[in-house]
Amino acid sequence: MKQDISLSCPVPHAPERTVTLAHGSGGRLMHKLIADIFLKAFDDPALHEAHDGARLEPCPDRLAFTTDSFVVRPMFFPGGDIGSLAVHGTCNDLAMCGAQPMYLSCGFIIEEGLCLDALEAAAKSMAAAAAEVGARIVTGDTKVVERGKGDGIYINTAGVGRIVALNPVSPQRVRPGHAVIVSGDVGAHGAAILSVREGLAFETGLKSDAGHLWPAVRELLEADVDVACLRDLTRGGLATTLNEIAAKASCCISIDEEKVPVRREVEGACEMFGLDPLYMACEGRLAAFVPPDHADRALAALKAAGCAPVVVGSVNDRPAGEVRLKTRIGVERVLDMLSGEQLPRIC
């Protein structure tokens, strides 16, 4: 009796729903992983072409380009996860250039043994964050490393944005007299990561401040605010950001500690571990430098974007390259850059 014989190789069996080294081999399991998780989550026509790169639509405007990598531990934390954080971080870097986020790439380095449900959750979160700001994930890559060599998952992202700011947004444009504005309370992201690692609980429900900054930047630009410089307050927090700009602009930045907004639970976590909230990372806060006669307009624009902005200081000409802090007791001191890291693996 004649029987039909199939010579095709079956898909290797993957134990339970975890990542195996075979998922990174380039074979059927890898294609299944990409189809079942990434293509399903991101679902962009450019990805479905399955090409080595994405053909971007022509753009007559100036473009901004950035790249970043994310290794946060734990992968899921109050207020976010490594997937949404990767999109927020890259899109925010573009926004700090005065650019509207348009296209993203994503590279996944996955550790053998990672639960596929966790990977799928991170991918879906990434897709939702991109859709929220109107960016498209159009190309990517997947690699799998041996168990114990990847800490779950690392994500690399690159982003392209359309520059809409009429004037350059750069530290070199910061001048004496400029007002220094922060878009909201500082330190919540670093404190949220710390709370999970140390098993802390706060009555108010401490969450990361991770989120998109492009809506705030768009409001500033549409209000015709002459934005000299923008910077998101990520690793090293507000203090490190101000030191970087003071050095680049060869100026002195003076801020008032009383005016810097810090949530009570963030202060509590910092006091418990001997940390300074001015150095704690944010993932959804920016510092803006604007001329003094544009400060009120900038505050109104940021409020329209849902922020709670505050003028925390100003720019002076001397001593160049320094950040000065007026403390709560009225004493002025140098707010220096940290020589190390207060809290590792926060983004």
Foldseek 3Di string as FASTA:
>chain_A
DDDDDDPDDDDDDDPDQWAAQVCAPPDDNVVCLCVVAQCVQQVDPLVVVVDQFGDDDDDPFDKDKDKDKAQFPPQDFFAGGRQLLQQLQQQQVQVQFQFQWAEKEKEKEFETGAGSVVVRVSSNNNNVQCVVSHYHHRYYYYHYDYHPPQNGMMMMMMTMTGHDAPDTADLQQFDFQWFKKKQAAFQLLQLRSVCVVVVHDDPVRRHAQAHHCNQLSVLCVVLVFPWRGKDAQFQQAQLQVQLVSLQVNQWEWEFEPVFRHHDPVSVVSCVVVVHDRRGHGHNHMMMTIGHPVCVVVSCVSSVVSVTRMTGGTTIGNPPGSWYWYQYPVRDIDTSDGDPDGPDPRSD
